[in-house]
Amino acid sequence: MINIRPRRSMLFMPGSNARALEKAKSLPCDGVIFDLEDAVSPDAKAQARNQVRAALLAGGFGARELIVRINGLATNWWQDDLAALEGATFDGILLPKVESAEALERLEKAICKQGQDDKALWAMLETPRAFLKAEEIASATERLQGLVIGTNDLVKDLHGAHTRGRLPVVTALGIALLVARSYGLSVLDGVYNDFKNTEGLIDECKQGREFGFDGKTLIHPAQIDTANDAFGVTAAEQAAAKRLIEAFDSAVLAGKGVAVFDGRMIEDLHVHEAKRIVAMAEAIKA
């Protein structure tokens, strides 16, 4: 059985916005990323971490995956962020501005010292150096569960531009995907800034799905349905996957190593992908 956790839509929620944190309990996103970093001004850091702690202790988020983005290790805030999370129930910690394995190792030591041994780590790749060191980062610790792409900072550092088709960052996206799949990690596409431009979001989600991303990070609740549709599984896709599996199983019983399905040759690699699709559909339904 393939164990899959849907991450189609991972919504950033500013820790300083108590109303938004409460609203997250009713939104159809697969996960919530409680943000203590970029979305929170310096004078609101303490308030934000207190509100995130209170929200996590109160619970009520159902099956949504709960991740907290703390401040970077180069700041004076990250240790206070970790201290505020002690005793709270959530799934993982997202570290921004990761550029080396050492950063994750340092964070791991800190959370283990606090007794948070059950928390997964996530790394944001958002600088040119991060992508050049991506494999080193991916192999830093077994606690690492996934990579999150920060395209805004990347485009800024490249002196590039946000374009339709994202040609300026295609190389970086490809590196992240290659590394993530090589190390068995989830990988989430970057945010789409123009949240009122549904057509543009649809195009970028479609591209992300075609690239192989597991889902998309979002900045507004209005983007959730689009991401869920793009990275989800339709009834037709699920049915086709089941028929493919059945066709191959029948061929194997007949002593064949390949089969014909809908006019094309299929083999074991196609079955593996079909089983992943079925498992994803079942996980989404659950």
C-alpha atoms as a PDB file:
ATOM      1  CA  MET A   1       0.000   0.000   0.000  1.00  0.00           C
ATOM      2  CA  ILE A   2       1.284   3.455  -0.928  1.00  0.00           C
ATOM      3  CA  ASN A   3       1.190   5.918   1.976  1.00  0.00           C
ATOM      4  CA  ILE A   4       0.342   9.373   0.658  1.00  0.00           C
ATOM      5  CA  ARG A   5      -0.620  12.605   2.379  1.00  0.00           C
ATOM      6  CA  PRO A   6      -2.294  15.143   0.086  1.00  0.00           C
ATOM      7  CA  ARG A   7      -0.493  18.472  -0.072  1.00  0.00           C
ATOM      8  CA  ARG A   8      -2.367  20.040  -2.972  1.00  0.00           C
ATOM      9  CA  SER A   9      -3.006  23.329  -1.208  1.00  0.00           C
ATOM     10  CA  MET A  10      -0.745  24.587   1.595  1.00  0.00           C
ATOM     11  CA  LEU A  11      -1.978  27.979   2.764  1.00  0.00           C
ATOM     12  CA  PHE A  12       0.296  30.531   4.428  1.00  0.00           C
ATOM     13  CA  MET A  13      -1.487  32.227   7.314  1.00  0.00           C
ATOM     14  CA  PRO A  14       0.074  35.264   9.060  1.00  0.00           C
ATOM     15  CA  GLY A  15       0.534  34.485  12.734  1.00  0.00           C
ATOM     16  CA  SER A  16      -0.316  38.077  13.583  1.00  0.00           C
ATOM     17  CA  ASN A  17      -3.838  37.763  12.148  1.00  0.00           C
ATOM     18  CA  ALA A  18      -5.955  35.995  14.773  1.00  0.00           C
ATOM     19  CA  ARG A  19      -9.068  36.144  12.610  1.00  0.00           C
ATOM     20  CA  ALA A  20      -7.256  34.392   9.747  1.00  0.00           C
ATOM     21  CA  LEU A  21      -5.970  31.675  12.076  1.00  0.00           C
ATOM     22  CA  GLU A  22      -9.505  30.940  13.211  1.00  0.00           C
ATOM     23  CA  LYS A  23     -10.822  30.974   9.638  1.00  0.00           C
ATOM     24  CA  ALA A  24      -8.246  28.354   8.635  1.00  0.00           C
ATOM     25  CA  LYS A  25     -10.230  25.762  10.598  1.00  0.00           C
ATOM     26  CA  SER A  26     -13.022  25.881   8.022  1.00  0.00           C
ATOM     27  CA  LEU A  27     -11.051  26.204   4.788  1.00  0.00           C
ATOM     28  CA  PRO A  28     -10.744  23.267   2.333  1.00  0.00           C
ATOM     29  CA  CYS A  29      -6.940  23.393   2.184  1.00  0.00           C
ATOM     30  CA  ASP A  30      -4.817  20.310   2.778  1.00  0.00           C
ATOM     31  CA  GLY A  31      -2.511  22.183   5.105  1.00  0.00           C
ATOM     32  CA  VAL A  32      -1.874  25.438   6.927  1.00  0.00           C
ATOM     33  CA  ILE A  33       1.535  27.076   7.245  1.00  0.00           C
ATOM     34  CA  PHE A  34       1.425  29.375  10.259  1.00  0.00           C
ATOM     35  CA  ASP A  35       3.811  32.164   9.312  1.00  0.00           C
ATOM     36  CA  LEU A  36       6.012  33.854  11.895  1.00  0.00           C
ATOM     37  CA  GLU A  37       8.476  35.144   9.306  1.00  0.00           C
ATOM     38  CA  ASP A  38       7.887  37.335   6.238  1.00  0.00           C
ATOM     39  CA  ALA A  39       4.189  37.989   6.837  1.00  0.00           C
ATOM     40  CA  VAL A  40       4.857  39.400  10.320  1.00  0.00           C
ATOM     41  CA  SER A  41       6.453  42.771  10.995  1.00  0.00           C
ATOM     42  CA  PRO A  42       9.230  42.944  13.640  1.00  0.00           C
ATOM     43  CA  ASP A  43       7.024  44.728  16.159  1.00  0.00           C
ATOM     44  CA  ALA A  44       4.364  42.010  15.853  1.00  0.00           C
ATOM     45  CA  LYS A  45       6.622  38.957  16.258  1.00  0.00           C
ATOM     46  CA  ALA A  46       5.791  38.341  19.920  1.00  0.00           C
ATOM     47  CA  GLN A  47       2.060  38.728  19.325  1.00  0.00           C
ATOM     48  CA  ALA A  48       2.211  36.398  16.333  1.00  0.00           C
ATOM     49  CA  ARG A  49       3.990  33.574  18.142  1.00  0.00           C
ATOM     50  CA  ASN A  50       1.593  33.854  21.088  1.00  0.00           C
ATOM     51  CA  GLN A  51      -1.421  33.697  18.771  1.00  0.00           C
ATOM     52  CA  VAL A  52      -0.048  30.729  16.838  1.00  0.00           C
ATOM     53  CA  ARG A  53       0.640  28.907  20.069  1.00  0.00           C
ATOM     54  CA  ALA A  54      -2.889  29.602  21.295  1.00  0.00           C
ATOM     55  CA  ALA A  55      -4.392  28.425  17.994  1.00  0.00           C
ATOM     56  CA  LEU A  56      -2.407  25.176  18.040  1.00  0.00           C
ATOM     57  CA  LEU A  57      -3.288  24.472  21.663  1.00  0.00           C
ATOM     58  CA  ALA A  58      -6.964  25.122  20.949  1.00  0.00           C
ATOM     59  CA  GLY A  59      -6.933  22.749  17.963  1.00  0.00           C
ATOM     60  CA  GLY A  60      -9.942  22.313  15.720  1.00  0.00           C
ATOM     61  CA  PHE A  61      -8.012  22.082  12.434  1.00  0.00           C
ATOM     62  CA  GLY A  62      -9.200  18.569  11.650  1.00  0.00           C
ATOM     63  CA  ALA A  63      -7.010  16.496   9.343  1.00  0.00           C
ATOM     64  CA  ARG A  64      -5.173  19.500   7.907  1.00  0.00           C
ATOM     65  CA  GLU A  65      -1.400  19.313   8.047  1.00  0.00           C
ATOM     66  CA  LEU A  66      -0.074  22.013  10.366  1.00  0.00           C
ATOM     67  CA  ILE A  67       3.350  23.520   9.741  1.00  0.00           C
ATOM     68  CA  VAL A  68       4.925  26.540  11.408  1.00  0.00           C
ATOM     69  CA  ARG A  69       7.345  28.742   9.487  1.00  0.00           C
ATOM     70  CA  ILE A  70       9.729  30.153  12.074  1.00  0.00           C
ATOM     71  CA  ASN A  71      12.140  33.001  11.534  1.00  0.00           C
ATOM     72  CA  GLY A  72      15.533  32.303   9.993  1.00  0.00           C
ATOM     73  CA  LEU A  73      18.567  31.279  12.015  1.00  0.00           C
ATOM     74  CA  ALA A  74      20.279  34.572  11.201  1.00  0.00           C
ATOM     75  CA  THR A  75      17.627  36.458  13.190  1.00  0.00           C
ATOM     76  CA  ASN A  76      17.158  37.036  16.908  1.00  0.00           C
ATOM     77  CA  TRP A  77      13.652  35.563  16.828  1.00  0.00           C
ATOM     78  CA  TRP A  78      13.868  31.880  15.897  1.00  0.00           C
ATOM     79  CA  GLN A  79      14.702  30.569  19.377  1.00  0.00           C
ATOM     80  CA  ASP A  80      11.737  32.439  20.863  1.00  0.00           C
ATOM     81  CA  ASP A  81       9.594  30.945  18.090  1.00  0.00           C
ATOM     82  CA  LEU A  82      10.641  27.422  19.094  1.00  0.00           C
ATOM     83  CA  ALA A  83      10.096  28.147  22.770  1.00  0.00           C
ATOM     84  CA  ALA A  84       6.551  29.297  22.039  1.00  0.00           C
ATOM     85  CA  LEU A  85       5.798  26.024  20.257  1.00  0.00           C
ATOM     86  CA  GLU A  86       6.715  23.767  23.177  1.00  0.00           C
ATOM     87  CA  GLY A  87       3.798  21.532  24.127  1.00  0.00           C
ATOM     88  CA  ALA A  88       1.740  22.482  21.071  1.00  0.00           C
ATOM     89  CA  THR A  89       0.358  19.923  18.641  1.00  0.00           C
ATOM     90  CA  PHE A  90       1.426  20.375  15.027  1.00  0.00           C
ATOM     91  CA  ASP A  91       3.233  18.436  12.310  1.00  0.00           C
ATOM     92  CA  GLY A  92       6.358  20.261  11.248  1.00  0.00           C
ATOM     93  CA  ILE A  93       8.633  23.283  11.287  1.00  0.00           C
ATOM     94  CA  LEU A  94       9.495  25.157   8.100  1.00  0.00           C
ATOM     95  CA  LEU A  95      12.885  26.871   8.111  1.00  0.00           C
ATOM     96  CA  PRO A  96      13.299  29.773   5.674  1.00  0.00           C
ATOM     97  CA  LYS A  97      16.471  30.850   3.860  1.00  0.00           C
ATOM     98  CA  VAL A  98      18.125  27.422   4.082  1.00  0.00           C
ATOM     99  CA  GLU A  99      21.449  27.407   2.239  1.00  0.00           C
ATOM    100  CA  SER A 100      23.312  24.510   3.865  1.00  0.00           C
ATOM    101  CA  ALA A 101      22.930  21.202   5.657  1.00  0.00           C
ATOM    102  CA  GLU A 102      24.387  22.868   8.737  1.00  0.00           C
ATOM    103  CA  ALA A 103      21.298  25.060   9.118  1.00  0.00           C
ATOM    104  CA  LEU A 104      18.976  22.058   9.351  1.00  0.00           C
ATOM    105  CA  GLU A 105      21.365  20.212  11.651  1.00  0.00           C
ATOM    106  CA  ARG A 106      21.427  23.223  13.959  1.00  0.00           C
ATOM    107  CA  LEU A 107      17.649  23.419  14.011  1.00  0.00           C
ATOM    108  CA  GLU A 108      17.334  19.685  14.620  1.00  0.00           C
ATOM    109  CA  LYS A 109      19.590  19.883  17.661  1.00  0.00           C
ATOM    110  CA  ALA A 110      17.527  22.760  19.020  1.00  0.00           C
ATOM    111  CA  ILE A 111      14.167  21.018  18.689  1.00  0.00           C
ATOM    112  CA  CYS A 112      15.525  17.764  20.119  1.00  0.00           C
ATOM    113  CA  LYS A 113      16.861  19.693  23.103  1.00  0.00           C
ATOM    114  CA  GLN A 114      13.329  20.978  23.656  1.00  0.00           C
ATOM    115  CA  GLY A 115      11.888  17.473  23.427  1.00  0.00           C
ATOM    116  CA  GLN A 116      10.064  18.023  20.138  1.00  0.00           C
ATOM    117  CA  ASP A 117      11.365  14.779  18.640  1.00  0.00           C
ATOM    118  CA  ASP A 118       8.117  14.114  16.789  1.00  0.00           C
ATOM    119  CA  LYS A 119       8.281  17.204  14.595  1.00  0.00           C
ATOM    120  CA  ALA A 120       9.229  16.977  10.918  1.00  0.00           C
ATOM    121  CA  LEU A 121      11.463  19.572   9.296  1.00  0.00           C
ATOM    122  CA  TRP A 122      10.819  21.412   6.039  1.00  0.00           C
ATOM    123  CA  ALA A 123      13.325  23.578   4.191  1.00  0.00           C
ATOM    124  CA  MET A 124      12.664  26.632   2.061  1.00  0.00           C
ATOM    125  CA  LEU A 125      14.860  26.939  -1.018  1.00  0.00           C
ATOM    126  CA  GLU A 126      14.705  30.577  -2.047  1.00  0.00           C
ATOM    127  CA  THR A 127      18.193  31.789  -2.911  1.00  0.00           C
ATOM    128  CA  PRO A 128      20.615  30.888  -5.730  1.00  0.00           C
ATOM    129  CA  ARG A 129      22.977  29.274  -3.217  1.00  0.00           C
ATOM    130  CA  ALA A 130      20.146  27.134  -1.842  1.00  0.00           C
ATOM    131  CA  PHE A 131      19.569  25.489  -5.206  1.00  0.00           C
ATOM    132  CA  LEU A 132      23.292  24.973  -5.763  1.00  0.00           C
ATOM    133  CA  LYS A 133      23.383  23.222  -2.358  1.00  0.00           C
ATOM    134  CA  ALA A 134      20.028  21.460  -2.755  1.00  0.00           C
ATOM    135  CA  GLU A 135      21.366  17.898  -2.572  1.00  0.00           C
ATOM    136  CA  GLU A 136      23.427  18.695   0.517  1.00  0.00           C
ATOM    137  CA  ILE A 137      20.316  20.166   2.144  1.00  0.00           C
ATOM    138  CA  ALA A 138      18.115  17.209   1.179  1.00  0.00           C
ATOM    139  CA  SER A 139      20.510  14.734   2.772  1.00  0.00           C
ATOM    140  CA  ALA A 140      21.092  16.732   5.981  1.00  0.00           C
ATOM    141  CA  THR A 141      18.705  14.796   8.204  1.00  0.00           C
ATOM    142  CA  GLU A 142      16.153  11.997   8.039  1.00  0.00           C
ATOM    143  CA  ARG A 143      13.767  14.346   9.822  1.00  0.00           C
ATOM    144  CA  LEU A 144      13.478  16.437   6.637  1.00  0.00           C
ATOM    145  CA  GLN A 145      10.099  15.803   5.036  1.00  0.00           C
ATOM    146  CA  GLY A 146       9.940  18.252   2.196  1.00  0.00           C
ATOM    147  CA  LEU A 147      11.152  21.283   0.289  1.00  0.00           C
ATOM    148  CA  VAL A 148       9.230  24.508  -0.280  1.00  0.00           C
ATOM    149  CA  ILE A 149      10.199  26.742  -3.181  1.00  0.00           C
ATOM    150  CA  GLY A 150      10.442  30.474  -2.504  1.00  0.00           C
ATOM    151  CA  THR A 151      10.217  31.953  -5.971  1.00  0.00           C
ATOM    152  CA  ASN A 152       9.765  35.562  -4.827  1.00  0.00           C
ATOM    153  CA  ASP A 153      13.149  35.790  -3.140  1.00  0.00           C
ATOM    154  CA  LEU A 154      14.753  33.723  -5.881  1.00  0.00           C
ATOM    155  CA  VAL A 155      13.571  36.064  -8.650  1.00  0.00           C
ATOM    156  CA  LYS A 156      14.766  39.051  -6.618  1.00  0.00           C
ATOM    157  CA  ASP A 157      18.236  37.568  -6.109  1.00  0.00           C
ATOM    158  CA  LEU A 158      18.506  36.594  -9.774  1.00  0.00           C
ATOM    159  CA  HIS A 159      17.611  40.160 -10.824  1.00  0.00           C
ATOM    160  CA  GLY A 160      14.957  38.401 -12.887  1.00  0.00           C
ATOM    161  CA  ALA A 161      11.265  38.844 -13.490  1.00  0.00           C
ATOM    162  CA  HIS A 162       8.019  36.998 -12.756  1.00  0.00           C
ATOM    163  CA  THR A 163       6.889  35.857 -16.188  1.00  0.00           C
ATOM    164  CA  ARG A 164       4.142  33.664 -17.527  1.00  0.00           C
ATOM    165  CA  GLY A 165       5.748  30.256 -17.957  1.00  0.00           C
ATOM    166  CA  ARG A 166       8.420  31.108 -15.339  1.00  0.00           C
ATOM    167  CA  LEU A 167      11.322  30.621 -17.715  1.00  0.00           C
ATOM    168  CA  PRO A 168      13.727  32.625 -15.472  1.00  0.00           C
ATOM    169  CA  VAL A 169      13.391  30.040 -12.663  1.00  0.00           C
ATOM    170  CA  VAL A 170      12.823  26.805 -14.603  1.00  0.00           C
ATOM    171  CA  THR A 171      16.369  25.623 -13.917  1.00  0.00           C
ATOM    172  CA  ALA A 172      15.946  26.078 -10.163  1.00  0.00           C
ATOM    173  CA  LEU A 173      12.555  24.380 -10.155  1.00  0.00           C
ATOM    174  CA  GLY A 174      14.007  21.433 -12.047  1.00  0.00           C
ATOM    175  CA  ILE A 175      16.893  21.076  -9.608  1.00  0.00           C
ATOM    176  CA  ALA A 176      14.514  21.085  -6.655  1.00  0.00           C
ATOM    177  CA  LEU A 177      12.348  18.397  -8.230  1.00  0.00           C
ATOM    178  CA  LEU A 178      15.303  16.183  -9.130  1.00  0.00           C
ATOM    179  CA  VAL A 179      16.687  16.406  -5.612  1.00  0.00           C
ATOM    180  CA  ALA A 180      13.336  15.911  -3.891  1.00  0.00           C
ATOM    181  CA  ARG A 181      12.518  12.787  -5.866  1.00  0.00           C
ATOM    182  CA  SER A 182      16.033  11.415  -5.387  1.00  0.00           C
ATOM    183  CA  TYR A 183      15.682  11.667  -1.614  1.00  0.00           C
ATOM    184  CA  GLY A 184      12.026  10.741  -1.257  1.00  0.00           C
ATOM    185  CA  LEU A 185      10.906  14.215  -0.216  1.00  0.00           C
ATOM    186  CA  SER A 186       7.734  16.122  -0.921  1.00  0.00           C
ATOM    187  CA  VAL A 187       8.209  19.345  -2.859  1.00  0.00           C
ATOM    188  CA  LEU A 188       5.823  22.305  -2.910  1.00  0.00           C
ATOM    189  CA  ASP A 189       5.668  24.938  -5.637  1.00  0.00           C
ATOM    190  CA  GLY A 190       6.059  28.626  -4.786  1.00  0.00           C
ATOM    191  CA  VAL A 191       3.254  31.104  -4.263  1.00  0.00           C
ATOM    192  CA  TYR A 192       1.394  32.967  -6.989  1.00  0.00           C
ATOM    193  CA  ASN A 193       1.268  36.627  -6.017  1.00  0.00           C
ATOM    194  CA  ASP A 194      -1.603  37.933  -8.160  1.00  0.00           C
ATOM    195  CA  PHE A 195      -4.331  36.234  -6.099  1.00  0.00           C
ATOM    196  CA  LYS A 196      -7.166  37.913  -8.033  1.00  0.00           C
ATOM    197  CA  ASN A 197      -5.881  36.534 -11.345  1.00  0.00           C
ATOM    198  CA  THR A 198      -7.552  33.130 -11.420  1.00  0.00           C
ATOM    199  CA  GLU A 199      -6.564  32.409 -15.012  1.00  0.00           C
ATOM    200  CA  GLY A 200      -2.905  33.015 -14.236  1.00  0.00           C
ATOM    201  CA  LEU A 201      -3.098  30.813 -11.145  1.00  0.00           C
ATOM    202  CA  ILE A 202      -4.715  28.014 -13.139  1.00  0.00           C
ATOM    203  CA  ASP A 203      -1.890  28.156 -15.681  1.00  0.00           C
ATOM    204  CA  GLU A 204       0.815  28.136 -13.016  1.00  0.00           C
ATOM    205  CA  CYS A 205      -0.816  25.281 -11.076  1.00  0.00           C
ATOM    206  CA  LYS A 206      -1.117  23.282 -14.284  1.00  0.00           C
ATOM    207  CA  GLN A 207       2.548  23.890 -15.009  1.00  0.00           C
ATOM    208  CA  GLY A 208       3.484  22.890 -11.471  1.00  0.00           C
ATOM    209  CA  ARG A 209       1.502  19.668 -11.759  1.00  0.00           C
ATOM    210  CA  GLU A 210       3.156  18.879 -15.097  1.00  0.00           C
ATOM    211  CA  PHE A 211       6.592  19.544 -13.591  1.00  0.00           C
ATOM    212  CA  GLY A 212       5.808  17.053 -10.819  1.00  0.00           C
ATOM    213  CA  PHE A 213       5.200  19.216  -7.753  1.00  0.00           C
ATOM    214  CA  ASP A 214       3.040  17.702  -4.997  1.00  0.00           C
ATOM    215  CA  GLY A 215       1.088  20.898  -4.503  1.00  0.00           C
ATOM    216  CA  LYS A 216       1.269  24.666  -4.247  1.00  0.00           C
ATOM    217  CA  THR A 217       1.854  27.099  -1.439  1.00  0.00           C
ATOM    218  CA  LEU A 218      -0.846  29.769  -1.361  1.00  0.00           C
ATOM    219  CA  ILE A 219      -1.262  33.276   0.020  1.00  0.00           C
ATOM    220  CA  HIS A 220      -5.059  33.646  -0.104  1.00  0.00           C
ATOM    221  CA  PRO A 221      -8.048  31.371   0.597  1.00  0.00           C
ATOM    222  CA  ALA A 222      -9.473  32.226  -2.846  1.00  0.00           C
ATOM    223  CA  GLN A 223      -6.642  30.178  -4.368  1.00  0.00           C
ATOM    224  CA  ILE A 224      -7.457  26.913  -2.580  1.00  0.00           C
ATOM    225  CA  ASP A 225     -10.032  25.443  -4.949  1.00  0.00           C
ATOM    226  CA  THR A 226      -7.838  26.074  -7.984  1.00  0.00           C
ATOM    227  CA  ALA A 227      -4.873  24.317  -6.379  1.00  0.00           C
ATOM    228  CA  ASN A 228      -7.016  21.416  -5.181  1.00  0.00           C
ATOM    229  CA  ASP A 229      -8.371  20.899  -8.687  1.00  0.00           C
ATOM    230  CA  ALA A 230      -4.969  21.147 -10.369  1.00  0.00           C
ATOM    231  CA  PHE A 231      -3.105  18.814  -8.021  1.00  0.00           C
ATOM    232  CA  GLY A 232      -6.011  16.498  -7.272  1.00  0.00           C
ATOM    233  CA  VAL A 233      -7.348  13.419  -9.023  1.00  0.00           C
ATOM    234  CA  THR A 234     -10.511  13.483 -11.119  1.00  0.00           C
ATOM    235  CA  ALA A 235     -12.967  10.600 -11.089  1.00  0.00           C
ATOM    236  CA  ALA A 236     -11.993   9.841 -14.679  1.00  0.00           C
ATOM    237  CA  GLU A 237      -8.282   9.729 -13.794  1.00  0.00           C
ATOM    238  CA  GLN A 238      -8.952   7.404 -10.882  1.00  0.00           C
ATOM    239  CA  ALA A 239     -11.110   5.092 -12.988  1.00  0.00           C
ATOM    240  CA  ALA A 240      -8.498   4.963 -15.761  1.00  0.00           C
ATOM    241  CA  ALA A 241      -5.759   4.167 -13.252  1.00  0.00           C
ATOM    242  CA  LYS A 242      -7.768   1.273 -11.846  1.00  0.00           C
ATOM    243  CA  ARG A 243      -8.441  -0.098 -15.316  1.00  0.00           C
ATOM    244  CA  LEU A 244      -4.734   0.124 -16.160  1.00  0.00           C
ATOM    245  CA  ILE A 245      -3.821  -1.831 -13.035  1.00  0.00           C
ATOM    246  CA  GLU A 246      -6.400  -4.490 -13.871  1.00  0.00           C
ATOM    247  CA  ALA A 247      -5.140  -4.752 -17.470  1.00  0.00           C
ATOM    248  CA  PHE A 248      -1.564  -5.256 -16.337  1.00  0.00           C
ATOM    249  CA  ASP A 249      -2.544  -7.786 -13.658  1.00  0.00           C
ATOM    250  CA  SER A 250      -4.396  -9.795 -16.298  1.00  0.00           C
ATOM    251  CA  ALA A 251      -1.323  -9.731 -18.536  1.00  0.00           C
ATOM    252  CA  VAL A 252       0.896 -10.933 -15.694  1.00  0.00           C
ATOM    253  CA  LEU A 253      -1.469 -13.828 -14.990  1.00  0.00           C
ATOM    254  CA  ALA A 254      -1.154 -14.737 -18.659  1.00  0.00           C
ATOM    255  CA  GLY A 255       2.625 -14.829 -18.310  1.00  0.00           C
ATOM    256  CA  LYS A 256       3.325 -11.502 -20.023  1.00  0.00           C
ATOM    257  CA  GLY A 257       5.576  -8.676 -18.847  1.00  0.00           C
ATOM    258  CA  VAL A 258       3.760  -5.947 -20.737  1.00  0.00           C
ATOM    259  CA  ALA A 259       0.147  -5.221 -21.617  1.00  0.00           C
ATOM    260  CA  VAL A 260      -1.885  -3.135 -24.019  1.00  0.00           C
ATOM    261  CA  PHE A 261      -4.113  -0.489 -22.456  1.00  0.00           C
ATOM    262  CA  ASP A 262      -6.188   1.947 -24.485  1.00  0.00           C
ATOM    263  CA  GLY A 263      -4.025   1.288 -27.515  1.00  0.00           C
ATOM    264  CA  ARG A 264      -0.642   1.783 -25.864  1.00  0.00           C
ATOM    265  CA  MET A 265       1.944  -0.494 -24.341  1.00  0.00           C
ATOM    266  CA  ILE A 266       2.212  -0.412 -20.559  1.00  0.00           C
ATOM    267  CA  GLU A 267       4.673  -1.978 -18.142  1.00  0.00           C
ATOM    268  CA  ASP A 268       5.450  -1.994 -14.448  1.00  0.00           C
ATOM    269  CA  LEU A 269       6.452   1.688 -14.290  1.00  0.00           C
ATOM    270  CA  HIS A 270       2.989   2.688 -15.555  1.00  0.00           C
ATOM    271  CA  VAL A 271       1.386   0.494 -12.905  1.00  0.00           C
ATOM    272  CA  HIS A 272       3.415   2.158 -10.173  1.00  0.00           C
ATOM    273  CA  GLU A 273       2.165   5.596 -11.223  1.00  0.00           C
ATOM    274  CA  ALA A 274      -1.411   4.305 -11.530  1.00  0.00           C
ATOM    275  CA  LYS A 275      -1.264   2.960  -7.979  1.00  0.00           C
ATOM    276  CA  ARG A 276       0.029   6.312  -6.769  1.00  0.00           C
ATOM    277  CA  ILE A 277      -2.923   8.044  -8.445  1.00  0.00           C
ATOM    278  CA  VAL A 278      -5.412   5.664  -6.826  1.00  0.00           C
ATOM    279  CA  ALA A 279      -3.758   6.077  -3.427  1.00  0.00           C
ATOM    280  CA  MET A 280      -3.857   9.868  -3.774  1.00  0.00           C
ATOM    281  CA  ALA A 281      -7.555   9.803  -4.691  1.00  0.00           C
ATOM    282  CA  GLU A 282      -8.331   7.649  -1.656  1.00  0.00           C
ATOM    283  CA  ALA A 283      -6.258   9.869   0.630  1.00  0.00           C
ATOM    284  CA  ILE A 284      -8.044  12.983  -0.598  1.00  0.00           C
ATOM    285  CA  LYS A 285     -11.416  11.334  -0.041  1.00  0.00           C
ATOM    286  CA  ALA A 286     -10.402  10.300   3.476  1.00  0.00           C
END
